[in-house]
Protein backbone atom coordinates (compact mmCIF):
# COMPACT_ATOMS: atom_id res chain seq x y z
CA MET A 1 -30.95 70.50 -45.84
CA ASN A 2 -27.59 69.25 -44.62
CA ARG A 3 -29.19 68.26 -41.35
CA ILE A 4 -31.75 66.11 -43.18
CA ARG A 5 -29.01 64.67 -45.42
CA ASN A 6 -26.96 63.67 -42.38
CA LEU A 7 -29.82 61.94 -40.57
CA SER A 8 -29.25 58.32 -39.64
CA VAL A 9 -30.62 55.63 -41.93
CA ARG A 10 -33.26 54.62 -39.37
CA LYS A 11 -34.51 58.18 -38.86
CA SER A 12 -34.42 58.85 -42.60
CA ILE A 13 -36.61 55.90 -43.51
CA VAL A 14 -39.11 56.84 -40.77
CA LEU A 15 -39.20 60.41 -42.14
CA TYR A 16 -39.71 59.25 -45.73
CA MET A 17 -42.53 56.89 -44.69
CA LEU A 18 -44.22 59.55 -42.57
CA VAL A 19 -44.14 62.09 -45.40
CA ALA A 20 -45.50 59.45 -47.82
CA VAL A 21 -48.42 58.57 -45.52
CA VAL A 22 -49.29 62.22 -44.87
CA LEU A 23 -49.16 63.11 -48.55
CA SER A 24 -51.29 60.07 -49.45
CA PHE A 25 -54.16 61.38 -47.26
CA ILE A 26 -54.51 64.59 -49.32
CA PRO A 27 -55.57 63.03 -52.66
CA THR A 28 -57.51 60.34 -50.77
CA TYR A 29 -59.66 62.97 -49.05
CA PHE A 30 -60.55 64.79 -52.27
CA ILE A 31 -61.17 61.59 -54.22
CA GLU A 32 -63.44 60.16 -51.51
CA ARG A 33 -65.46 63.41 -51.30
CA THR A 34 -65.75 63.60 -55.09
CA ALA A 35 -66.80 59.95 -55.31
CA GLN A 36 -69.41 60.47 -52.58
CA ARG A 37 -70.95 63.52 -54.26
CA THR A 38 -70.95 61.80 -57.64
CA GLN A 39 -72.63 58.72 -56.15
CA GLU A 40 -75.30 60.85 -54.42
CA GLN A 41 -76.03 62.63 -57.67
CA ILE A 42 -76.58 59.26 -59.33
CA TRP A 43 -78.80 58.02 -56.52
CA GLU A 44 -80.90 61.22 -56.54
CA LYS A 45 -82.15 60.35 -60.00
CA TYR A 46 -83.82 57.24 -58.59
CA MET A 47 -85.38 58.72 -55.45
CA GLY A 48 -89.20 58.53 -55.24
CA GLU A 49 -91.76 61.39 -55.03
CA GLU A 50 -91.79 61.12 -51.23
CA TYR A 51 -88.11 62.20 -51.11
CA TRP A 52 -88.68 65.19 -53.36
CA GLN A 53 -91.75 66.25 -51.36
CA GLN A 54 -89.62 66.17 -48.18
CA ILE A 55 -86.99 68.29 -49.94
CA GLU A 56 -89.63 70.80 -51.06
CA GLU A 57 -91.16 71.03 -47.59
CA TYR A 58 -87.70 71.42 -46.07
CA GLN A 59 -86.81 74.26 -48.43
CA ASN A 60 -90.15 75.99 -47.87
CA SER A 61 -89.54 75.88 -44.14
CA GLY A 62 -86.38 78.00 -44.62
CA GLY A 63 -83.82 75.17 -44.57
CA SER A 64 -81.28 74.29 -47.20
CA GLU A 65 -79.79 71.12 -48.62
CA ALA A 66 -76.62 71.70 -46.65
CA ALA A 67 -78.47 71.71 -43.30
CA PRO A 68 -78.05 68.75 -40.92
CA ASN A 69 -81.77 67.80 -41.10
CA VAL A 70 -81.84 67.52 -44.87
CA PRO A 71 -83.49 64.28 -45.94
CA SER A 72 -80.90 61.55 -46.48
CA ILE A 73 -80.36 59.86 -49.83
CA THR A 74 -80.71 56.09 -49.73
CA ARG A 75 -79.07 53.66 -52.12
CA PRO A 76 -81.52 52.51 -54.81
CA VAL A 77 -81.80 48.90 -55.83
CA ASN A 78 -79.29 47.99 -58.55
CA MET A 79 -82.03 46.76 -60.78
CA GLU A 80 -83.59 50.22 -60.81
CA MET A 81 -80.39 51.88 -62.10
CA SER A 82 -79.15 51.85 -65.65
CA ASP A 83 -76.02 49.89 -66.47
CA SER A 84 -73.85 52.99 -66.74
CA ASP A 85 -75.15 54.46 -63.46
CA ARG A 86 -74.74 51.14 -61.69
CA LEU A 87 -71.14 50.82 -62.96
CA LEU A 88 -70.29 54.39 -62.01
CA SER A 89 -71.83 53.88 -58.55
CA GLU A 90 -69.72 50.76 -58.00
CA VAL A 91 -66.58 52.67 -59.07
CA CYS A 92 -67.43 55.32 -56.51
CA ASP A 93 -67.84 52.56 -53.89
CA PHE A 94 -64.41 51.22 -54.80
CA LEU A 95 -62.78 54.65 -54.59
CA GLN A 96 -64.36 55.39 -51.19
CA THR A 97 -63.29 52.01 -49.82
CA TYR A 98 -59.81 51.43 -51.29
CA SER A 99 -58.43 54.85 -52.31
CA LEU A 100 -56.60 55.27 -49.00
CA LEU A 101 -54.97 51.84 -49.33
CA VAL A 102 -53.98 52.46 -52.97
CA PHE A 103 -52.47 55.88 -52.32
CA ALA A 104 -50.76 54.70 -49.12
CA CYS A 105 -49.11 51.78 -50.98
CA GLY A 106 -48.18 54.03 -53.88
CA GLY A 107 -46.74 56.62 -51.50
CA ILE A 108 -44.68 53.97 -49.71
CA ILE A 109 -43.30 52.69 -53.03
CA VAL A 110 -42.37 56.24 -54.07
CA ALA A 111 -40.84 56.85 -50.61
CA VAL A 112 -38.73 53.69 -50.89
CA PHE A 113 -37.58 54.76 -54.36
CA PHE A 114 -36.50 58.24 -53.22
CA PHE A 115 -34.97 56.83 -50.03
CA TYR A 116 -32.80 54.47 -52.06
CA LYS A 117 -31.92 57.16 -54.59
CA ASN A 118 -31.06 59.87 -52.05
CA LYS A 119 -29.71 57.78 -49.19
CA LEU A 120 -28.35 54.46 -50.44
CA ALA A 121 -27.45 54.77 -54.12
CA ALA A 122 -24.41 57.05 -53.74
CA PRO A 123 -22.62 55.22 -50.88
CA LEU A 124 -23.39 51.79 -52.36
CA ALA A 125 -21.98 52.93 -55.71
CA GLU A 126 -18.84 54.22 -53.97
CA LEU A 127 -18.40 50.97 -52.03
CA THR A 128 -19.03 48.87 -55.15
CA ARG A 129 -16.47 50.88 -57.09
CA ALA A 130 -13.99 50.60 -54.23
CA THR A 131 -14.36 46.83 -53.83
CA ALA A 132 -14.00 46.36 -57.60
CA ALA A 133 -10.83 48.50 -57.61
CA ILE A 134 -9.34 46.59 -54.68
CA GLY A 135 -10.28 43.31 -56.36
CA SER A 136 -8.24 44.41 -59.40
CA GLN A 137 -5.33 45.38 -57.08
CA ASN A 138 -5.79 49.09 -57.73
CA LEU A 139 -5.49 51.22 -54.61
CA ASP A 140 -5.05 54.57 -56.37
CA PHE A 141 -8.52 55.96 -55.66
CA THR A 142 -10.48 57.75 -52.95
CA ILE A 143 -14.00 57.26 -51.58
CA ASN A 144 -15.99 60.49 -51.92
CA TYR A 145 -19.03 60.40 -49.61
CA ALA A 146 -19.31 63.21 -47.08
CA ASN A 147 -22.62 62.45 -45.31
CA ARG A 148 -22.26 61.79 -41.58
CA ASP A 149 -24.67 58.86 -41.30
CA GLU A 150 -24.09 55.14 -40.82
CA LEU A 151 -23.15 54.64 -44.45
CA GLY A 152 -20.90 57.69 -44.27
CA GLU A 153 -19.08 56.07 -41.35
CA VAL A 154 -18.77 52.83 -43.34
CA CYS A 155 -17.31 54.75 -46.30
CA ALA A 156 -14.93 56.63 -43.99
CA GLN A 157 -13.73 53.37 -42.42
CA PHE A 158 -13.39 51.85 -45.88
CA GLU A 159 -11.23 54.82 -46.91
CA VAL A 160 -9.06 54.30 -43.82
CA MET A 161 -8.72 50.63 -44.75
CA ARG A 162 -7.79 51.58 -48.32
CA ARG A 163 -5.08 53.96 -47.15
CA GLN A 164 -3.74 51.32 -44.77
CA LEU A 165 -3.71 48.75 -47.56
CA ALA A 166 -1.91 51.21 -49.84
CA GLU A 167 0.69 51.91 -47.15
CA ASN A 168 1.15 48.21 -46.43
CA ASN A 169 1.41 47.50 -50.14
CA SER A 170 4.01 50.24 -50.54
CA ARG A 171 6.00 48.93 -47.58
CA MET A 172 5.79 45.39 -48.94
CA TRP A 173 7.09 46.41 -52.36
CA LYS A 174 9.79 48.49 -50.72
CA THR A 175 10.81 45.49 -48.61
CA LEU A 176 10.86 43.25 -51.68
CA GLU A 177 13.00 45.76 -53.56
CA GLN A 178 15.39 46.00 -50.62
CA GLU A 179 15.60 42.22 -50.34
CA ARG A 180 16.25 41.94 -54.07
CA ALA A 181 18.97 44.60 -53.83
CA LEU A 182 20.38 42.87 -50.76
CA ARG A 183 20.59 39.51 -52.51
CA ALA A 184 22.26 41.11 -55.52
CA SER A 185 24.69 42.97 -53.27
CA ILE A 186 25.54 39.83 -51.31
CA ALA A 187 26.29 37.94 -54.52
CA HIS A 188 28.33 40.87 -55.83
CA ASP A 189 30.30 41.75 -52.70
CA ILE A 190 31.16 38.20 -51.70
CA ARG A 191 32.18 37.18 -55.21
CA SER A 192 35.19 39.53 -55.28
CA PRO A 193 36.99 38.24 -52.13
CA LEU A 194 36.10 34.65 -53.02
CA THR A 195 37.62 35.10 -56.48
CA ILE A 196 40.80 36.50 -54.93
CA LEU A 197 41.00 33.67 -52.39
CA LYS A 198 40.46 31.12 -55.15
CA GLY A 199 43.32 32.66 -57.15
CA TYR A 200 45.64 32.53 -54.14
CA GLN A 201 44.74 28.94 -53.48
CA GLU A 202 45.49 27.99 -57.10
CA MET A 203 48.84 29.78 -56.92
CA LEU A 204 49.71 28.05 -53.67
CA LEU A 205 48.92 24.68 -55.23
CA GLU A 206 51.26 25.51 -58.13
CA LEU A 207 54.07 26.67 -55.80
CA VAL A 208 54.12 23.56 -53.62
CA PRO A 209 53.46 20.63 -55.95
CA ASP A 210 55.77 18.33 -54.00
CA ARG A 211 55.69 20.09 -50.58
CA GLN A 212 59.27 21.39 -51.01
CA THR A 213 59.75 25.17 -51.12
CA ASP A 214 62.70 27.56 -50.97
CA ALA A 215 62.85 30.73 -48.89
CA GLU A 216 61.66 32.99 -51.71
CA THR A 217 58.66 30.77 -52.41
CA ALA A 218 57.89 30.58 -48.71
CA ASP A 219 57.88 34.39 -48.48
CA ALA A 220 55.53 34.57 -51.46
CA MET A 221 53.27 32.01 -49.85
CA THR A 222 53.29 34.00 -46.62
CA ASP A 223 52.28 37.15 -48.48
CA MET A 224 49.46 35.26 -50.21
CA LEU A 225 48.23 33.87 -46.92
CA LYS A 226 48.28 37.35 -45.37
CA GLU A 227 46.33 38.75 -48.33
CA GLY A 228 43.94 35.84 -48.00
CA MET A 229 43.35 36.80 -44.39
CA VAL A 230 42.62 40.35 -45.56
CA GLN A 231 39.94 39.02 -47.91
CA ILE A 232 38.51 36.87 -45.13
CA GLY A 233 38.39 39.99 -42.98
CA ARG A 234 36.50 41.75 -45.79
CA MET A 235 33.87 39.02 -45.78
CA GLU A 236 33.60 39.22 -41.99
CA ASP A 237 33.11 42.99 -42.23
CA PHE A 238 30.49 42.48 -44.90
CA LEU A 239 28.58 40.02 -42.73
CA GLY A 240 28.82 42.55 -39.91
CA SER A 241 27.32 45.23 -42.16
CA MET A 242 24.44 42.86 -42.94
CA ASN A 243 23.75 42.49 -39.22
CA GLN A 244 23.85 46.26 -38.92
CA LEU A 245 21.37 46.57 -41.79
CA SER A 246 18.87 44.29 -40.05
CA ALA A 247 19.25 46.24 -36.79
CA LEU A 248 18.68 49.72 -38.25
CA GLU A 249 14.88 49.57 -38.22
CA GLU A 250 14.84 47.99 -34.76
CA ARG A 251 16.89 50.74 -33.11
CA LYS A 252 14.81 52.66 -30.61
CA ILE A 253 14.69 56.46 -30.57
CA GLN A 254 16.20 58.05 -27.45
CA LEU A 255 15.48 61.76 -27.33
CA ARG A 256 17.33 64.07 -24.98
CA GLU A 257 17.83 67.82 -24.70
CA ILE A 258 21.05 69.49 -25.78
CA ARG A 259 21.96 73.02 -26.82
CA LEU A 260 23.19 73.73 -30.33
CA SER A 261 26.46 75.15 -29.02
CA GLU A 262 27.12 71.99 -26.97
CA LEU A 263 26.36 69.80 -29.98
CA ALA A 264 28.77 71.83 -32.14
CA GLN A 265 31.50 71.58 -29.51
CA GLN A 266 31.08 67.81 -29.38
CA TYR A 267 31.26 67.56 -33.17
CA ARG A 268 34.45 69.63 -33.36
CA LYS A 269 36.31 66.99 -31.40
CA ASN A 270 34.98 64.21 -33.61
CA LEU A 271 35.83 66.12 -36.80
CA GLU A 272 39.45 66.54 -35.76
CA VAL A 273 39.81 62.77 -35.52
CA LEU A 274 37.86 61.88 -38.65
CA ALA A 275 39.47 64.53 -40.86
CA ALA A 276 42.97 63.30 -39.89
CA GLY A 277 44.85 66.37 -41.13
CA ARG A 278 42.46 67.21 -43.98
CA GLU A 279 41.01 70.72 -44.13
CA CYS A 280 37.62 70.55 -42.46
CA GLU A 281 35.72 73.44 -40.88
CA LEU A 282 32.58 73.45 -38.74
CA CYS A 283 30.33 76.50 -38.97
CA THR A 284 27.41 77.16 -36.62
CA GLU A 285 25.17 80.08 -35.72
CA GLU A 286 27.20 80.85 -32.64
CA GLY A 287 27.01 84.39 -31.37
CA SER A 288 23.27 84.54 -32.17
CA ALA A 289 20.24 83.52 -30.17
CA ALA A 290 20.02 80.34 -32.27
CA ALA A 291 23.31 79.07 -30.81
CA ASP A 292 21.70 78.64 -27.38
CA VAL A 293 18.48 77.10 -28.67
CA LEU A 294 17.56 73.93 -26.79
CA LEU A 295 17.22 70.92 -29.10
CA ARG A 296 15.36 67.70 -28.34
CA ILE A 297 16.91 65.05 -30.59
CA ASP A 298 18.42 61.58 -30.60
CA VAL A 299 22.04 62.71 -30.31
CA GLY A 300 23.39 59.24 -31.15
CA MET A 301 21.50 58.94 -34.44
CA VAL A 302 22.22 62.52 -35.49
CA THR A 303 25.91 62.05 -34.69
CA GLU A 304 26.06 58.84 -36.71
CA VAL A 305 24.39 60.57 -39.65
CA LEU A 306 26.94 63.42 -39.49
CA GLU A 307 29.88 61.02 -39.28
CA ASN A 308 28.65 59.01 -42.27
CA LEU A 309 28.11 62.17 -44.33
CA LEU A 310 31.54 63.46 -43.32
CA THR A 311 33.25 60.14 -44.16
CA ASN A 312 31.56 60.10 -47.56
CA ALA A 313 32.59 63.74 -48.22
CA LEU A 314 36.22 63.10 -47.18
CA ARG A 315 36.37 60.15 -49.57
CA TYR A 316 35.59 62.31 -52.60
CA ALA A 317 36.82 65.77 -51.55
CA GLU A 318 39.88 67.19 -53.27
CA SER A 319 41.06 69.38 -50.42
CA LYS A 320 38.25 70.82 -48.33
CA VAL A 321 35.11 69.75 -46.47
CA SER A 322 32.75 72.10 -44.61
CA VAL A 323 30.11 71.28 -42.01
CA ARG A 324 27.34 73.68 -41.00
CA LEU A 325 24.81 73.32 -38.17
CA SER A 326 21.75 75.56 -38.08
CA VAL A 327 18.17 75.67 -36.78
CA ARG A 328 15.38 76.93 -39.03
CA ASP A 329 11.62 76.64 -38.52
CA GLY A 330 11.98 74.19 -35.65
CA GLU A 331 14.31 71.85 -37.56
CA LEU A 332 18.01 71.06 -37.18
CA TYR A 333 19.95 71.26 -40.45
CA VAL A 334 23.22 69.30 -40.70
CA GLU A 335 24.92 70.34 -43.96
CA VAL A 336 28.11 68.68 -45.23
CA ALA A 337 29.72 70.00 -48.45
CA ASP A 338 32.94 69.13 -50.27
CA ASP A 339 34.89 70.38 -53.29
CA GLY A 340 34.94 67.00 -55.06
CA PRO A 341 33.23 65.89 -58.29
CA GLY A 342 29.75 65.95 -56.73
CA PHE A 343 26.90 63.48 -56.99
CA ALA A 344 26.33 61.89 -60.40
CA GLU A 345 23.22 59.89 -59.47
CA SER A 346 19.85 60.72 -57.96
CA ALA A 347 19.28 60.61 -54.20
CA GLU A 348 17.05 57.55 -54.60
CA ILE A 349 19.88 55.55 -56.16
CA LEU A 350 22.64 56.91 -53.93
CA THR A 351 20.80 55.98 -50.72
CA LYS A 352 20.23 52.33 -51.63
CA ALA A 353 21.89 49.70 -49.45
CA TYR A 354 25.27 48.51 -50.76
CA TYR A 355 25.34 51.05 -53.55
CA HIS A 356 28.80 51.77 -55.04
CA ALA A 357 29.41 54.67 -57.39
CA ASN A 358 32.79 53.18 -58.33
CA PRO A 359 33.46 49.42 -58.59
CA GLN A 360 36.85 50.04 -56.98
CA ASP A 361 34.99 51.08 -53.82
CA ASP A 362 34.14 47.40 -53.25
CA LEU A 363 37.66 46.98 -51.87
CA THR A 364 37.26 49.65 -49.18
CA HIS A 365 33.63 49.98 -48.11
CA PHE A 366 30.21 48.41 -48.60
CA GLY A 367 28.05 51.37 -49.65
CA MET A 368 26.07 51.60 -46.39
CA GLY A 369 26.81 55.19 -45.31
CA LEU A 370 24.14 57.15 -47.20
CA TYR A 371 21.64 54.35 -46.73
CA ILE A 372 22.09 54.52 -42.95
CA CYS A 373 21.73 58.32 -43.10
CA ARG A 374 18.45 58.07 -45.00
CA VAL A 375 17.03 55.41 -42.65
CA TYR A 376 17.89 57.41 -39.51
CA CYS A 377 16.56 60.67 -40.99
CA GLU A 378 13.23 59.05 -41.87
CA LYS A 379 13.08 57.23 -38.55
CA LEU A 380 13.36 60.56 -36.71
CA GLY A 381 10.73 62.18 -38.95
CA GLY A 382 13.26 64.13 -41.03
CA ARG A 383 14.71 63.82 -44.51
CA LEU A 384 18.01 63.52 -46.37
CA LEU A 385 18.70 65.91 -49.27
CA LEU A 386 21.53 65.33 -51.75
CA GLY A 387 22.68 67.74 -54.44
CA ASN A 388 25.60 69.63 -55.95
CA GLU A 389 26.92 73.10 -55.22
CA ASN A 390 26.81 75.74 -57.97
CA GLY A 391 30.59 76.06 -57.93
CA GLY A 392 31.13 72.29 -57.98
CA GLY A 393 31.25 69.66 -55.28
CA GLY A 394 28.59 67.64 -53.53
CA LYS A 395 26.35 68.74 -50.69
CA ALA A 396 24.34 66.55 -48.32
CA VAL A 397 21.75 68.02 -45.94
CA ALA A 398 20.19 65.99 -43.11
CA VAL A 399 17.09 67.63 -41.61
CA PHE A 400 15.74 66.61 -38.19
CA PRO A 401 12.72 67.97 -36.30
CA CYS A 402 13.92 69.30 -32.96
């Protein structure tokens, strides 16, 4: 049954037509034979004495009416027959002449009906529903048609197109949200240094109304100019972070092989510099077979993710930060935990570009660290997990396939 259901449209319509023609011959045969016998019975009533004498002689000679040499029945003149017999004889003529045509046409109509119902109705309904949903900008549906014929291929390709449209739509909305957040962040992060610079300029204008200043005023002006340069540097750094944001997605993946123990040794040196006297420990699975496992990763991206997670942990830690490297189920886990207040927001909010948990952070950084970590994790086919430890403190886990 599945084999018939999966026949191509061309083969299916040929099969339906062939079955219809064959089935139309069966009733045609019986109707034609019945009409012929009925017509002969009518004609026999009008045969002359010569015919009946021939029949009697034939039977007396040992023959029968079914024998080939039985006397033939000839059609009587219409005027000799009664109206009812003449009408019935003409009906029999019609049935013998046109019954095949009538049943063949009827069989073809029935075949077309069942062909449409069994072969075309379901996929056309699915495609109609799909086009109507897409027309109303609804992509949250699936096309359910499993037959492997031409229409099944069309439905399968339509489903691929729907998924691609849904993915493109999701990416478009994500891009729009990021652009909206970027515009808001630009307005927010540039406003602060501009406000400070404006205040310094107003103060300078008040200090030198007539271009004559004393030493104390000159020192104050020098301090204001230096602070103004700091704010200008902040804006330059912010513009640099914007360039970095645009380059994140364009960065190419460069995989190379490195052992877990070598990666841990490299990170120990970096941690000593970044921690700058703070308590920071790196724990790996050294001493086990996992320590010598050969990883295939983009070392640069993974290192940058670790450094950003470590910098973020050091910013909020009270006294201690721990880093753990491990390999489980073919994935590299980079875990960074601290004993600070922990994460107060969801991972979706924390990993937005230019997100600041504290407005005072605007003076020191631009909220790009966790966003960069998320982008690099997803780019490498991994994920970034953020949460809080049971005993307090935040914990960030970057997972990379290796």
